[in-house]
Amino acid sequence: MKATEYFKYIRKRPDRSIIKDEWIEKVINYPLKEEIQSDGRIRRWAKIEEMDGRALRVILLSDGETVHNTFFDRSFKEDR
């Protein structure tokens, strides 16, 4: 999995270190929702059943494969 230096650094935080690579890959490959940001970065979401169905947001660079950030998104709604 390709990742930015920012992602490698931020992933050391306790709230981010629990996020498994397999969950990130699930979001990248099977998103429930996708949005393109004005800077070209791509937001993707998927629910993670092992985390009580919480929505994981993955932010990719515009290449669609380099992970820039991941976090559980408390405000996610499928019908946005």
Protein backbone atom coordinates (compact mmCIF):
# COMPACT_ATOMS: atom_id res chain seq x y z
CA MET A 1 0.00 0.00 0.00
CA LYS A 2 1.44 3.35 -1.04
CA ALA A 3 1.25 6.08 1.59
CA THR A 4 2.37 9.66 2.17
CA GLU A 5 4.86 10.58 4.89
CA TYR A 6 2.00 12.46 6.59
CA PHE A 7 -0.03 9.25 6.78
CA LYS A 8 2.93 7.31 8.20
CA TYR A 9 3.39 9.97 10.87
CA ILE A 10 -0.29 10.46 11.81
CA ARG A 11 -0.88 6.71 11.99
CA LYS A 12 1.24 6.60 15.15
CA ARG A 13 -1.57 8.31 17.08
CA PRO A 14 -3.50 5.90 19.35
CA ASP A 15 -6.82 6.61 17.63
CA ARG A 16 -5.29 5.89 14.21
CA SER A 17 -3.02 2.96 15.10
CA ILE A 18 -6.05 0.68 15.55
CA ILE A 19 -6.96 1.03 11.86
CA LYS A 20 -5.89 -2.14 10.04
CA ASP A 21 -4.40 -2.20 6.55
CA GLU A 22 -7.07 -4.68 5.46
CA TRP A 23 -9.79 -2.16 6.41
CA ILE A 24 -8.06 0.57 4.43
CA GLU A 25 -7.84 -1.73 1.41
CA LYS A 26 -11.54 -2.58 1.76
CA VAL A 27 -12.44 1.12 1.65
CA ILE A 28 -10.19 1.71 -1.36
CA ASN A 29 -11.54 -1.26 -3.32
CA TYR A 30 -15.20 -1.37 -2.22
CA PRO A 31 -16.32 2.11 -1.14
CA LEU A 32 -19.91 2.87 -0.19
CA LYS A 33 -19.36 6.45 -1.25
CA GLU A 34 -16.73 8.49 -3.08
CA GLU A 35 -16.18 12.23 -3.43
CA ILE A 36 -13.49 14.22 -5.21
CA GLN A 37 -12.15 17.19 -3.24
CA SER A 38 -11.37 20.51 -4.92
CA ASP A 39 -7.63 19.73 -4.59
CA GLY A 40 -8.09 16.45 -6.50
CA ARG A 41 -7.81 14.18 -3.48
CA ILE A 42 -10.34 11.37 -3.28
CA ARG A 43 -12.49 10.60 -0.24
CA ARG A 44 -13.86 7.09 0.11
CA TRP A 45 -15.94 5.54 2.86
CA ALA A 46 -16.94 2.02 3.87
CA LYS A 47 -18.40 0.53 7.02
CA ILE A 48 -16.15 -1.69 9.11
CA GLU A 49 -18.17 -4.47 10.72
CA GLU A 50 -15.40 -5.33 13.20
CA MET A 51 -15.78 -1.79 14.56
CA ASP A 52 -19.56 -2.02 15.05
CA GLY A 53 -20.25 -0.81 11.51
CA ARG A 54 -18.48 2.52 11.96
CA ALA A 55 -17.60 4.32 8.72
CA LEU A 56 -13.92 4.54 7.86
CA ARG A 57 -12.91 7.45 5.63
CA VAL A 58 -9.80 7.06 3.50
CA ILE A 59 -8.32 10.06 1.73
CA LEU A 60 -6.26 9.21 -1.34
CA LEU A 61 -4.07 11.44 -3.43
CA SER A 62 -5.34 12.21 -6.93
CA ASP A 63 -3.52 9.12 -8.25
CA GLY A 64 -6.24 7.03 -6.58
CA GLU A 65 -3.81 4.72 -4.81
CA THR A 66 -1.62 6.69 -2.37
CA VAL A 67 -3.17 6.89 1.13
CA HIS A 68 -2.93 10.34 2.71
CA ASN A 69 -5.23 9.96 5.74
CA THR A 70 -7.67 7.58 7.40
CA PHE A 71 -10.07 7.98 10.28
CA PHE A 72 -13.45 6.86 11.55
CA ASP A 73 -15.94 9.48 10.35
CA ARG A 74 -18.60 10.14 12.98
CA SER A 75 -20.60 12.37 10.64
CA PHE A 76 -20.84 9.92 7.71
CA LYS A 77 -24.29 9.45 6.21
CA GLU A 78 -24.80 7.20 3.21
CA ASP A 79 -27.43 9.48 1.71
CA ARG A 80 -25.22 12.59 1.56
